[in-house]
Amino acid sequence: MDDELERFKRDVNLTELAASRGYRLVDRERSAEGKRRGSTQASISMRHPDTDDKIIIRRDRDGHWTYFSVRDDRDNGTVVDFLLRRGHPSLGAVRKELRLWLRVDRPKMPVALYRPSVRIHERDEAAAAAAYSRARAVRCRYLEDRGISREVAADRRFAGAYRMGEHGNVLFPHYDPATGLVVGFEVKNNGFTSFATGGRKTFWMSEGRPDDDRLVIVETAIDAFSYHQIFPHTGARYISTGGAVGPEALALIVAAIASMPAGADIVSATDADKEGEKMHKRLEVAGGRPLRRHASPLPKDWNDYLQSLERTRPHQRERRFER
């Protein structure tokens, strides 16, 4: 374990770091008397006025400050990921900046711009499971807006792997592989990404069958739908990492890879960008099996590519399997 990185993740207040980068607190919840809600709430919303990027910040049970962007599924992680996604060229550059943040004599941001303390985020997997069970298994406009055909949305691979929640949000469940129970879910809509309050992130998976001979790993469930629409394969199983993954989720994904039969085609179809390549290399090192890289021909993901095909050749399906 890298002790310095662990200290950065625990001790650098991400709300203050974000404030130093121009993000401002979103005053979204007030009491009946109009007062701001207490400073120890579990999730903090911040928005950048110039880019309109909105992030949700919290502290996990291990003490790590973590965040995710509601505009970009892949933009999530710890304080280290926050800086890497915002222009830092290397981990060495991140270390250099965060060392300054741990100095007791560094200049502080005005306290009104950030939250000095944030309550530890507690898991409530049962509540997340109950929320998912209340959602409906119906057609979702969001999928159609992203170019997913009704045939693919109704395919036996996917029909039971999503539901529609409030406000037309689509919910993609994450299961505990040991129990088969829902422990969390991704929330998607046009321009919006979130994760179930109190839920645990493992991975999303399409229906699996004993005769599956291909496992395709993508970064979002919508990319799994898209990949299947472009390259239909009756024996394909799909896994979505739901963006960046921590050690716990990575171990579960590696176990899912190991569960595939000998000789199965394991495809790394993560995004065609720097982060997608990084994810591919992590899977390649940890997976212990041959992993074939298949990135979208266009930046940055398979849904982008699908939508480009729909615009240029709306009545044709591409069936060749590019290598």
C-alpha atoms as a PDB file:
ATOM      1  CA  MET A   1       0.000   0.000   0.000  1.00  0.00           C
ATOM      2  CA  ASP A   2       1.232   3.507  -0.828  1.00  0.00           C
ATOM      3  CA  ASP A   3       1.011   5.288   2.533  1.00  0.00           C
ATOM      4  CA  GLU A   4       1.387   8.752   1.036  1.00  0.00           C
ATOM      5  CA  LEU A   5      -1.501   8.254  -1.415  1.00  0.00           C
ATOM      6  CA  GLU A   6      -3.632   6.855   1.396  1.00  0.00           C
ATOM      7  CA  ARG A   7      -2.953   9.974   3.448  1.00  0.00           C
ATOM      8  CA  PHE A   8      -3.879  12.235   0.538  1.00  0.00           C
ATOM      9  CA  LYS A   9      -7.189  10.383   0.082  1.00  0.00           C
ATOM     10  CA  ARG A  10      -8.064  10.706   3.782  1.00  0.00           C
ATOM     11  CA  ASP A  11      -6.619  14.072   4.808  1.00  0.00           C
ATOM     12  CA  VAL A  12      -7.087  16.418   1.831  1.00  0.00           C
ATOM     13  CA  ASN A  13     -10.567  17.935   2.132  1.00  0.00           C
ATOM     14  CA  LEU A  14     -11.986  17.482  -1.369  1.00  0.00           C
ATOM     15  CA  THR A  15     -14.597  20.217  -0.923  1.00  0.00           C
ATOM     16  CA  GLU A  16     -11.798  22.718  -0.234  1.00  0.00           C
ATOM     17  CA  LEU A  17      -9.672  21.373  -3.096  1.00  0.00           C
ATOM     18  CA  ALA A  18     -12.658  21.689  -5.452  1.00  0.00           C
ATOM     19  CA  ALA A  19     -13.312  25.233  -4.195  1.00  0.00           C
ATOM     20  CA  SER A  20      -9.723  26.116  -5.068  1.00  0.00           C
ATOM     21  CA  ARG A  21     -10.500  24.973  -8.634  1.00  0.00           C
ATOM     22  CA  GLY A  22     -13.523  27.251  -8.943  1.00  0.00           C
ATOM     23  CA  TYR A  23     -16.294  24.917  -7.774  1.00  0.00           C
ATOM     24  CA  ARG A  24     -18.938  26.458  -5.544  1.00  0.00           C
ATOM     25  CA  LEU A  25     -21.330  24.897  -3.055  1.00  0.00           C
ATOM     26  CA  VAL A  26     -24.840  24.230  -4.331  1.00  0.00           C
ATOM     27  CA  ASP A  27     -27.285  25.560  -1.754  1.00  0.00           C
ATOM     28  CA  ARG A  28     -29.900  22.940  -2.529  1.00  0.00           C
ATOM     29  CA  GLU A  29     -31.520  22.041   0.769  1.00  0.00           C
ATOM     30  CA  ARG A  30     -32.804  24.396   3.436  1.00  0.00           C
ATOM     31  CA  SER A  31     -34.896  23.898   6.524  1.00  0.00           C
ATOM     32  CA  ALA A  32     -38.462  25.125   6.859  1.00  0.00           C
ATOM     33  CA  GLU A  33     -37.072  28.325   8.414  1.00  0.00           C
ATOM     34  CA  GLY A  34     -34.882  28.901   5.328  1.00  0.00           C
ATOM     35  CA  LYS A  35     -31.597  28.101   7.049  1.00  0.00           C
ATOM     36  CA  ARG A  36     -28.819  26.231   5.310  1.00  0.00           C
ATOM     37  CA  ARG A  37     -28.662  22.564   6.203  1.00  0.00           C
ATOM     38  CA  GLY A  38     -25.938  21.556   8.649  1.00  0.00           C
ATOM     39  CA  SER A  39     -22.308  21.388   7.556  1.00  0.00           C
ATOM     40  CA  THR A  40     -21.965  17.710   8.457  1.00  0.00           C
ATOM     41  CA  GLN A  41     -24.316  16.344   5.777  1.00  0.00           C
ATOM     42  CA  ALA A  42     -23.115  13.143   4.088  1.00  0.00           C
ATOM     43  CA  SER A  43     -23.113  14.341   0.444  1.00  0.00           C
ATOM     44  CA  ILE A  44     -21.998  17.759  -0.758  1.00  0.00           C
ATOM     45  CA  SER A  45     -22.983  19.179  -4.158  1.00  0.00           C
ATOM     46  CA  MET A  46     -20.613  21.600  -5.885  1.00  0.00           C
ATOM     47  CA  ARG A  47     -20.844  23.201  -9.317  1.00  0.00           C
ATOM     48  CA  HIS A  48     -18.358  25.034 -11.508  1.00  0.00           C
ATOM     49  CA  PRO A  49     -19.992  28.253 -12.780  1.00  0.00           C
ATOM     50  CA  ASP A  50     -17.912  28.357 -15.978  1.00  0.00           C
ATOM     51  CA  THR A  51     -18.172  24.735 -17.128  1.00  0.00           C
ATOM     52  CA  ASP A  52     -21.463  23.863 -15.369  1.00  0.00           C
ATOM     53  CA  ASP A  53     -19.813  20.650 -14.195  1.00  0.00           C
ATOM     54  CA  LYS A  54     -21.539  19.402 -11.049  1.00  0.00           C
ATOM     55  CA  ILE A  55     -19.914  16.985  -8.625  1.00  0.00           C
ATOM     56  CA  ILE A  56     -21.151  15.133  -5.554  1.00  0.00           C
ATOM     57  CA  ILE A  57     -18.572  14.750  -2.763  1.00  0.00           C
ATOM     58  CA  ARG A  58     -18.702  12.464   0.250  1.00  0.00           C
ATOM     59  CA  ARG A  59     -16.491  10.624   2.726  1.00  0.00           C
ATOM     60  CA  ASP A  60     -16.596   6.847   2.571  1.00  0.00           C
ATOM     61  CA  ARG A  61     -16.370   4.507   5.529  1.00  0.00           C
ATOM     62  CA  ASP A  62     -12.600   4.112   5.046  1.00  0.00           C
ATOM     63  CA  GLY A  63     -12.221   7.877   5.471  1.00  0.00           C
ATOM     64  CA  HIS A  64     -11.455   8.538   1.800  1.00  0.00           C
ATOM     65  CA  TRP A  65     -12.863  11.685   0.217  1.00  0.00           C
ATOM     66  CA  THR A  66     -14.581  10.619  -3.006  1.00  0.00           C
ATOM     67  CA  TYR A  67     -16.625  12.304  -5.729  1.00  0.00           C
ATOM     68  CA  PHE A  68     -18.501  11.711  -8.947  1.00  0.00           C
ATOM     69  CA  SER A  69     -19.588  14.077 -11.697  1.00  0.00           C
ATOM     70  CA  VAL A  70     -23.272  14.091 -12.612  1.00  0.00           C
ATOM     71  CA  ARG A  71     -22.320  15.117 -16.170  1.00  0.00           C
ATOM     72  CA  ASP A  72     -19.699  12.444 -16.940  1.00  0.00           C
ATOM     73  CA  ASP A  73     -19.948   8.805 -15.766  1.00  0.00           C
ATOM     74  CA  ARG A  74     -16.192   8.302 -16.018  1.00  0.00           C
ATOM     75  CA  ASP A  75     -15.287  11.288 -13.862  1.00  0.00           C
ATOM     76  CA  ASN A  76     -15.213   9.841 -10.359  1.00  0.00           C
ATOM     77  CA  GLY A  77     -12.864   8.594  -7.672  1.00  0.00           C
ATOM     78  CA  THR A  78     -10.650  10.106  -4.979  1.00  0.00           C
ATOM     79  CA  VAL A  79      -8.806  13.420  -4.656  1.00  0.00           C
ATOM     80  CA  VAL A  80      -6.076  11.867  -6.821  1.00  0.00           C
ATOM     81  CA  ASP A  81      -8.536  11.109  -9.641  1.00  0.00           C
ATOM     82  CA  PHE A  82     -10.061  14.585  -9.270  1.00  0.00           C
ATOM     83  CA  LEU A  83      -6.732  16.228 -10.118  1.00  0.00           C
ATOM     84  CA  LEU A  84      -5.785  13.746 -12.840  1.00  0.00           C
ATOM     85  CA  ARG A  85      -9.116  14.433 -14.578  1.00  0.00           C
ATOM     86  CA  ARG A  86      -8.483  18.173 -14.374  1.00  0.00           C
ATOM     87  CA  GLY A  87      -5.236  18.601 -16.181  1.00  0.00           C
ATOM     88  CA  HIS A  88      -2.488  17.137 -14.031  1.00  0.00           C
ATOM     89  CA  PRO A  89      -0.160  15.304 -16.436  1.00  0.00           C
ATOM     90  CA  SER A  90       1.029  12.583 -14.059  1.00  0.00           C
ATOM     91  CA  LEU A  91       0.730  11.022 -10.637  1.00  0.00           C
ATOM     92  CA  GLY A  92       4.002  12.721  -9.739  1.00  0.00           C
ATOM     93  CA  ALA A  93       2.450  16.146 -10.417  1.00  0.00           C
ATOM     94  CA  VAL A  94      -0.547  15.189  -8.257  1.00  0.00           C
ATOM     95  CA  ARG A  95       1.741  14.177  -5.395  1.00  0.00           C
ATOM     96  CA  LYS A  96       3.583  17.484  -5.628  1.00  0.00           C
ATOM     97  CA  GLU A  97       0.370  19.522  -5.311  1.00  0.00           C
ATOM     98  CA  LEU A  98      -1.198  17.409  -2.582  1.00  0.00           C
ATOM     99  CA  ARG A  99       1.944  17.557  -0.450  1.00  0.00           C
ATOM    100  CA  LEU A 100       1.412  21.313  -0.297  1.00  0.00           C
ATOM    101  CA  TRP A 101      -2.187  20.734   0.810  1.00  0.00           C
ATOM    102  CA  LEU A 102      -0.965  18.765   3.826  1.00  0.00           C
ATOM    103  CA  ARG A 103       1.271  21.588   5.051  1.00  0.00           C
ATOM    104  CA  VAL A 104      -0.111  23.256   8.174  1.00  0.00           C
ATOM    105  CA  ASP A 105       1.148  26.665   7.020  1.00  0.00           C
ATOM    106  CA  ARG A 106      -0.546  26.627   3.603  1.00  0.00           C
ATOM    107  CA  PRO A 107      -3.060  29.397   2.777  1.00  0.00           C
ATOM    108  CA  LYS A 108      -6.631  28.272   3.524  1.00  0.00           C
ATOM    109  CA  MET A 109      -9.697  28.862   1.373  1.00  0.00           C
ATOM    110  CA  PRO A 110     -12.441  31.042   2.915  1.00  0.00           C
ATOM    111  CA  VAL A 111     -14.494  28.663   5.064  1.00  0.00           C
ATOM    112  CA  ALA A 112     -17.753  29.848   3.450  1.00  0.00           C
ATOM    113  CA  LEU A 113     -16.645  28.229   0.172  1.00  0.00           C
ATOM    114  CA  TYR A 114     -16.298  24.650   1.408  1.00  0.00           C
ATOM    115  CA  ARG A 115     -17.297  22.223   4.166  1.00  0.00           C
ATOM    116  CA  PRO A 116     -14.714  21.806   6.954  1.00  0.00           C
ATOM    117  CA  SER A 117     -16.388  18.556   8.050  1.00  0.00           C
ATOM    118  CA  VAL A 118     -18.516  16.008   6.245  1.00  0.00           C
ATOM    119  CA  ARG A 119     -20.318  13.122   7.904  1.00  0.00           C
ATOM    120  CA  ILE A 120     -19.017   9.660   6.971  1.00  0.00           C
ATOM    121  CA  HIS A 121     -21.202   8.069   4.297  1.00  0.00           C
ATOM    122  CA  GLU A 122     -22.866   4.955   5.684  1.00  0.00           C
ATOM    123  CA  ARG A 123     -23.989   2.092   3.512  1.00  0.00           C
ATOM    124  CA  ASP A 124     -27.606   1.000   3.487  1.00  0.00           C
ATOM    125  CA  GLU A 125     -27.745  -1.767   0.931  1.00  0.00           C
ATOM    126  CA  ALA A 126     -31.209  -2.873   2.048  1.00  0.00           C
ATOM    127  CA  ALA A 127     -32.603   0.594   1.342  1.00  0.00           C
ATOM    128  CA  ALA A 128     -30.950   0.592  -2.085  1.00  0.00           C
ATOM    129  CA  ALA A 129     -32.430  -2.845  -2.843  1.00  0.00           C
ATOM    130  CA  ALA A 130     -35.888  -1.684  -1.746  1.00  0.00           C
ATOM    131  CA  ALA A 131     -35.660   1.412  -3.943  1.00  0.00           C
ATOM    132  CA  TYR A 132     -34.723  -0.720  -6.939  1.00  0.00           C
ATOM    133  CA  SER A 133     -37.571  -3.151  -6.276  1.00  0.00           C
ATOM    134  CA  ARG A 134     -40.051  -0.261  -6.421  1.00  0.00           C
ATOM    135  CA  ALA A 135     -38.872   0.773  -9.901  1.00  0.00           C
ATOM    136  CA  ARG A 136     -40.767  -0.432 -12.964  1.00  0.00           C
ATOM    137  CA  ALA A 137     -39.644  -2.809 -15.709  1.00  0.00           C
ATOM    138  CA  VAL A 138     -40.925  -0.775 -18.659  1.00  0.00           C
ATOM    139  CA  ARG A 139     -39.656   0.847 -21.845  1.00  0.00           C
ATOM    140  CA  CYS A 140     -37.368   3.793 -21.203  1.00  0.00           C
ATOM    141  CA  ARG A 141     -37.183   6.914 -23.332  1.00  0.00           C
ATOM    142  CA  TYR A 142     -33.556   7.439 -22.264  1.00  0.00           C
ATOM    143  CA  LEU A 143     -32.450   4.287 -24.074  1.00  0.00           C
ATOM    144  CA  GLU A 144     -34.214   5.318 -27.264  1.00  0.00           C
ATOM    145  CA  ASP A 145     -32.681   8.805 -27.039  1.00  0.00           C
ATOM    146  CA  ARG A 146     -29.248   7.151 -26.947  1.00  0.00           C
ATOM    147  CA  GLY A 147     -29.931   5.202 -30.134  1.00  0.00           C
ATOM    148  CA  ILE A 148     -30.737   1.856 -28.503  1.00  0.00           C
ATOM    149  CA  SER A 149     -33.292  -0.064 -30.560  1.00  0.00           C
ATOM    150  CA  ARG A 150     -36.415  -1.519 -28.978  1.00  0.00           C
ATOM    151  CA  GLU A 151     -35.250  -4.984 -30.030  1.00  0.00           C
ATOM    152  CA  VAL A 152     -31.988  -4.649 -28.094  1.00  0.00           C
ATOM    153  CA  ALA A 153     -33.689  -3.088 -25.056  1.00  0.00           C
ATOM    154  CA  ALA A 154     -36.064  -6.072 -24.995  1.00  0.00           C
ATOM    155  CA  ASP A 155     -33.349  -8.661 -25.670  1.00  0.00           C
ATOM    156  CA  ARG A 156     -33.227 -11.394 -23.028  1.00  0.00           C
ATOM    157  CA  ARG A 157     -29.673 -10.257 -22.237  1.00  0.00           C
ATOM    158  CA  PHE A 158     -30.864  -6.868 -21.063  1.00  0.00           C
ATOM    159  CA  ALA A 159     -34.623  -6.902 -20.389  1.00  0.00           C
ATOM    160  CA  GLY A 160     -34.183  -7.841 -16.729  1.00  0.00           C
ATOM    161  CA  ALA A 161     -31.047  -5.773 -16.162  1.00  0.00           C
ATOM    162  CA  TYR A 162     -32.578  -2.309 -15.870  1.00  0.00           C
ATOM    163  CA  ARG A 163     -35.663  -0.543 -14.591  1.00  0.00           C
ATOM    164  CA  MET A 164     -37.192   2.905 -14.783  1.00  0.00           C
ATOM    165  CA  GLY A 165     -37.332   4.976 -11.615  1.00  0.00           C
ATOM    166  CA  GLU A 166     -38.635   8.455 -10.848  1.00  0.00           C
ATOM    167  CA  HIS A 167     -38.426  11.291 -13.396  1.00  0.00           C
ATOM    168  CA  GLY A 168     -37.700   8.834 -16.217  1.00  0.00           C
ATOM    169  CA  ASN A 169     -34.342   7.852 -14.689  1.00  0.00           C
ATOM    170  CA  VAL A 170     -32.989   4.466 -15.758  1.00  0.00           C
ATOM    171  CA  LEU A 171     -31.593   2.271 -12.981  1.00  0.00           C
ATOM    172  CA  PHE A 172     -28.856  -0.275 -13.681  1.00  0.00           C
ATOM    173  CA  PRO A 173     -28.482  -2.670 -10.713  1.00  0.00           C
ATOM    174  CA  HIS A 174     -25.254  -3.757  -9.047  1.00  0.00           C
ATOM    175  CA  TYR A 175     -25.434  -7.170  -7.351  1.00  0.00           C
ATOM    176  CA  ASP A 176     -23.425  -8.866  -4.665  1.00  0.00           C
ATOM    177  CA  PRO A 177     -22.079 -11.888  -6.599  1.00  0.00           C
ATOM    178  CA  ALA A 178     -22.057 -14.002  -3.419  1.00  0.00           C
ATOM    179  CA  THR A 179     -25.734 -13.497  -2.574  1.00  0.00           C
ATOM    180  CA  GLY A 180     -27.265 -12.448  -5.884  1.00  0.00           C
ATOM    181  CA  LEU A 181     -28.956  -9.504  -4.121  1.00  0.00           C
ATOM    182  CA  VAL A 182     -29.102  -5.932  -5.389  1.00  0.00           C
ATOM    183  CA  VAL A 183     -26.743  -3.783  -3.273  1.00  0.00           C
ATOM    184  CA  GLY A 184     -26.826  -0.567  -5.317  1.00  0.00           C
ATOM    185  CA  PHE A 185     -27.660   0.854  -8.720  1.00  0.00           C
ATOM    186  CA  GLU A 186     -26.467   3.426 -11.216  1.00  0.00           C
ATOM    187  CA  VAL A 187     -28.932   6.190 -12.066  1.00  0.00           C
ATOM    188  CA  LYS A 188     -28.859   7.557 -15.629  1.00  0.00           C
ATOM    189  CA  ASN A 189     -30.763  10.163 -17.561  1.00  0.00           C
ATOM    190  CA  ASN A 190     -29.946  12.709 -20.240  1.00  0.00           C
ATOM    191  CA  GLY A 191     -27.142  14.830 -18.785  1.00  0.00           C
ATOM    192  CA  PHE A 192     -27.374  13.153 -15.387  1.00  0.00           C
ATOM    193  CA  THR A 193     -25.490  10.372 -13.597  1.00  0.00           C
ATOM    194  CA  SER A 194     -25.716   9.281  -9.982  1.00  0.00           C
ATOM    195  CA  PHE A 195     -25.554   6.228  -7.726  1.00  0.00           C
ATOM    196  CA  ALA A 196     -28.032   4.875  -5.194  1.00  0.00           C
ATOM    197  CA  THR A 197     -27.828   6.571  -1.793  1.00  0.00           C
ATOM    198  CA  GLY A 198     -26.258   4.120   0.641  1.00  0.00           C
ATOM    199  CA  GLY A 199     -25.634   1.562  -2.106  1.00  0.00           C
ATOM    200  CA  ARG A 200     -22.459  -0.412  -2.766  1.00  0.00           C
ATOM    201  CA  LYS A 201     -20.769  -0.390  -6.139  1.00  0.00           C
ATOM    202  CA  THR A 202     -19.834  -3.807  -7.518  1.00  0.00           C
ATOM    203  CA  PHE A 203     -20.548  -4.032 -11.271  1.00  0.00           C
ATOM    204  CA  TRP A 204     -23.520  -4.204 -13.627  1.00  0.00           C
ATOM    205  CA  MET A 205     -23.970  -7.380 -15.665  1.00  0.00           C
ATOM    206  CA  SER A 206     -26.332  -8.541 -18.363  1.00  0.00           C
ATOM    207  CA  GLU A 207     -28.018 -11.923 -18.027  1.00  0.00           C
ATOM    208  CA  GLY A 208     -25.501 -14.741 -18.145  1.00  0.00           C
ATOM    209  CA  ARG A 209     -25.990 -18.275 -19.464  1.00  0.00           C
ATOM    210  CA  PRO A 210     -23.851 -21.412 -19.093  1.00  0.00           C
ATOM    211  CA  ASP A 211     -23.039 -21.507 -22.819  1.00  0.00           C
ATOM    212  CA  ASP A 212     -21.750 -17.930 -23.018  1.00  0.00           C
ATOM    213  CA  ASP A 213     -18.425 -17.869 -24.853  1.00  0.00           C
ATOM    214  CA  ARG A 214     -17.666 -14.153 -24.825  1.00  0.00           C
ATOM    215  CA  LEU A 215     -17.373 -11.595 -22.003  1.00  0.00           C
ATOM    216  CA  VAL A 216     -17.337  -7.931 -23.026  1.00  0.00           C
ATOM    217  CA  ILE A 217     -16.224  -5.404 -20.406  1.00  0.00           C
ATOM    218  CA  VAL A 218     -17.307  -1.783 -20.845  1.00  0.00           C
ATOM    219  CA  GLU A 219     -17.444   1.296 -18.622  1.00  0.00           C
ATOM    220  CA  THR A 220     -21.195   1.968 -18.706  1.00  0.00           C
ATOM    221  CA  ALA A 221     -24.257  -0.205 -19.222  1.00  0.00           C
ATOM    222  CA  ILE A 222     -25.354   1.951 -22.159  1.00  0.00           C
ATOM    223  CA  ASP A 223     -22.101   0.955 -23.903  1.00  0.00           C
ATOM    224  CA  ALA A 224     -23.002  -2.718 -23.405  1.00  0.00           C
ATOM    225  CA  PHE A 225     -26.352  -2.163 -25.125  1.00  0.00           C
ATOM    226  CA  SER A 226     -24.585  -0.223 -27.882  1.00  0.00           C
ATOM    227  CA  TYR A 227     -21.889  -2.852 -28.423  1.00  0.00           C
ATOM    228  CA  HIS A 228     -24.479  -5.608 -28.690  1.00  0.00           C
ATOM    229  CA  GLN A 229     -26.491  -3.569 -31.180  1.00  0.00           C
ATOM    230  CA  ILE A 230     -23.429  -3.080 -33.385  1.00  0.00           C
ATOM    231  CA  PHE A 231     -21.950  -6.559 -32.937  1.00  0.00           C
ATOM    232  CA  PRO A 232     -24.801  -8.947 -31.985  1.00  0.00           C
ATOM    233  CA  HIS A 233     -23.538 -12.250 -30.609  1.00  0.00           C
ATOM    234  CA  THR A 234     -25.784 -14.894 -29.078  1.00  0.00           C
ATOM    235  CA  GLY A 235     -23.158 -16.062 -26.578  1.00  0.00           C
ATOM    236  CA  ALA A 236     -22.035 -12.647 -25.322  1.00  0.00           C
ATOM    237  CA  ARG A 237     -22.193 -11.610 -21.678  1.00  0.00           C
ATOM    238  CA  TYR A 238     -21.598  -7.983 -20.686  1.00  0.00           C
ATOM    239  CA  ILE A 239     -20.115  -6.303 -17.631  1.00  0.00           C
ATOM    240  CA  SER A 240     -20.052  -2.574 -16.930  1.00  0.00           C
ATOM    241  CA  THR A 241     -17.580  -1.223 -14.395  1.00  0.00           C
ATOM    242  CA  GLY A 242     -19.754   1.857 -13.880  1.00  0.00           C
ATOM    243  CA  GLY A 243     -16.742   4.130 -14.411  1.00  0.00           C
ATOM    244  CA  ALA A 244     -13.595   3.968 -12.321  1.00  0.00           C
ATOM    245  CA  VAL A 245     -13.295   1.008  -9.945  1.00  0.00           C
ATOM    246  CA  GLY A 246     -11.757   0.586  -6.527  1.00  0.00           C
ATOM    247  CA  PRO A 247      -9.888  -2.502  -5.274  1.00  0.00           C
ATOM    248  CA  GLU A 248     -13.081  -4.209  -4.001  1.00  0.00           C
ATOM    249  CA  ALA A 249     -14.992  -3.861  -7.272  1.00  0.00           C
ATOM    250  CA  LEU A 250     -11.894  -4.795  -9.302  1.00  0.00           C
ATOM    251  CA  ALA A 251     -11.573  -8.050  -7.365  1.00  0.00           C
ATOM    252  CA  LEU A 252     -15.214  -8.888  -8.113  1.00  0.00           C
ATOM    253  CA  ILE A 253     -14.753  -8.179 -11.830  1.00  0.00           C
ATOM    254  CA  VAL A 254     -11.642 -10.348 -11.899  1.00  0.00           C
ATOM    255  CA  ALA A 255     -13.682 -13.161 -10.329  1.00  0.00           C
ATOM    256  CA  ALA A 256     -16.335 -12.716 -13.039  1.00  0.00           C
ATOM    257  CA  ILE A 257     -13.612 -13.034 -15.684  1.00  0.00           C
ATOM    258  CA  ALA A 258     -12.308 -16.190 -14.023  1.00  0.00           C
ATOM    259  CA  SER A 259     -15.818 -17.700 -14.061  1.00  0.00           C
ATOM    260  CA  MET A 260     -15.915 -17.733 -17.866  1.00  0.00           C
ATOM    261  CA  PRO A 261     -15.171 -21.110 -19.481  1.00  0.00           C
ATOM    262  CA  ALA A 262     -11.680 -21.903 -20.762  1.00  0.00           C
ATOM    263  CA  GLY A 263     -11.176 -20.520 -24.246  1.00  0.00           C
ATOM    264  CA  ALA A 264     -13.852 -17.819 -23.876  1.00  0.00           C
ATOM    265  CA  ASP A 265     -13.205 -14.561 -25.687  1.00  0.00           C
ATOM    266  CA  ILE A 266     -12.579 -11.867 -23.042  1.00  0.00           C
ATOM    267  CA  VAL A 267     -12.970  -8.448 -24.656  1.00  0.00           C
ATOM    268  CA  SER A 268     -11.843  -5.173 -23.115  1.00  0.00           C
ATOM    269  CA  ALA A 269     -14.162  -2.623 -24.765  1.00  0.00           C
ATOM    270  CA  THR A 270     -13.447   0.259 -22.399  1.00  0.00           C
ATOM    271  CA  ASP A 271     -13.460   3.816 -23.722  1.00  0.00           C
ATOM    272  CA  ALA A 272     -11.183   5.017 -26.496  1.00  0.00           C
ATOM    273  CA  ASP A 273      -9.356   7.566 -24.354  1.00  0.00           C
ATOM    274  CA  LYS A 274      -6.566   7.759 -21.791  1.00  0.00           C
ATOM    275  CA  GLU A 275      -8.815   6.661 -18.913  1.00  0.00           C
ATOM    276  CA  GLY A 276     -10.212   3.753 -20.913  1.00  0.00           C
ATOM    277  CA  GLU A 277      -6.710   2.581 -21.766  1.00  0.00           C
ATOM    278  CA  LYS A 278      -5.735   2.833 -18.107  1.00  0.00           C
ATOM    279  CA  MET A 279      -8.761   0.738 -17.162  1.00  0.00           C
ATOM    280  CA  HIS A 280      -7.832  -1.839 -19.808  1.00  0.00           C
ATOM    281  CA  LYS A 281      -4.307  -2.169 -18.411  1.00  0.00           C
ATOM    282  CA  ARG A 282      -5.616  -2.623 -14.857  1.00  0.00           C
ATOM    283  CA  LEU A 283      -7.935  -5.398 -16.038  1.00  0.00           C
ATOM    284  CA  GLU A 284      -5.155  -6.972 -18.090  1.00  0.00           C
ATOM    285  CA  VAL A 285      -2.788  -7.084 -15.123  1.00  0.00           C
ATOM    286  CA  ALA A 286      -5.377  -8.237 -12.579  1.00  0.00           C
ATOM    287  CA  GLY A 287      -7.446 -10.583 -14.735  1.00  0.00           C
ATOM    288  CA  GLY A 288      -4.904 -13.352 -15.218  1.00  0.00           C
ATOM    289  CA  ARG A 289      -6.330 -14.314 -18.634  1.00  0.00           C
ATOM    290  CA  PRO A 290      -5.757 -13.138 -22.222  1.00  0.00           C
ATOM    291  CA  LEU A 291      -7.688  -9.930 -22.743  1.00  0.00           C
ATOM    292  CA  ARG A 292      -8.426  -8.631 -26.233  1.00  0.00           C
ATOM    293  CA  ARG A 293      -8.593  -4.854 -26.621  1.00  0.00           C
ATOM    294  CA  HIS A 294     -11.446  -3.516 -28.749  1.00  0.00           C
ATOM    295  CA  ALA A 295     -11.889   0.234 -28.437  1.00  0.00           C
ATOM    296  CA  SER A 296     -14.391   2.321 -30.364  1.00  0.00           C
ATOM    297  CA  PRO A 297     -13.057   3.638 -33.710  1.00  0.00           C
ATOM    298  CA  LEU A 298     -14.309   7.077 -32.648  1.00  0.00           C
ATOM    299  CA  PRO A 299     -13.797   8.859 -29.332  1.00  0.00           C
ATOM    300  CA  LYS A 300     -14.796   8.077 -26.861  1.00  0.00           C
ATOM    301  CA  ASP A 301     -17.165   5.173 -26.269  1.00  0.00           C
ATOM    302  CA  TRP A 302     -19.363   2.653 -28.059  1.00  0.00           C
ATOM    303  CA  ASN A 303     -22.529   4.677 -27.642  1.00  0.00           C
ATOM    304  CA  ASP A 304     -20.849   7.613 -29.377  1.00  0.00           C
ATOM    305  CA  TYR A 305     -19.940   5.254 -32.209  1.00  0.00           C
ATOM    306  CA  LEU A 306     -23.455   3.794 -32.368  1.00  0.00           C
ATOM    307  CA  GLN A 307     -24.989   7.244 -32.600  1.00  0.00           C
ATOM    308  CA  SER A 308     -22.576   8.181 -35.379  1.00  0.00           C
ATOM    309  CA  LEU A 309     -23.703   5.091 -37.312  1.00  0.00           C
ATOM    310  CA  GLU A 310     -27.349   5.992 -36.736  1.00  0.00           C
ATOM    311  CA  ARG A 311     -26.724   9.458 -38.147  1.00  0.00           C
ATOM    312  CA  THR A 312     -24.848   8.290 -41.249  1.00  0.00           C
ATOM    313  CA  ARG A 313     -26.425   4.878 -41.928  1.00  0.00           C
ATOM    314  CA  PRO A 314     -29.693   4.742 -40.003  1.00  0.00           C
ATOM    315  CA  HIS A 315     -30.993   1.629 -41.732  1.00  0.00           C
ATOM    316  CA  GLN A 316     -27.817  -0.445 -41.736  1.00  0.00           C
ATOM    317  CA  ARG A 317     -26.231  -2.607 -39.071  1.00  0.00           C
ATOM    318  CA  GLU A 318     -22.510  -3.069 -38.846  1.00  0.00           C
ATOM    319  CA  ARG A 319     -21.829  -6.737 -38.249  1.00  0.00           C
ATOM    320  CA  ARG A 320     -18.101  -7.072 -38.788  1.00  0.00           C
ATOM    321  CA  PHE A 321     -16.106  -7.611 -35.609  1.00  0.00           C
ATOM    322  CA  GLU A 322     -13.182  -5.176 -35.716  1.00  0.00           C
ATOM    323  CA  ARG A 323      -9.936  -6.181 -34.108  1.00  0.00           C
END
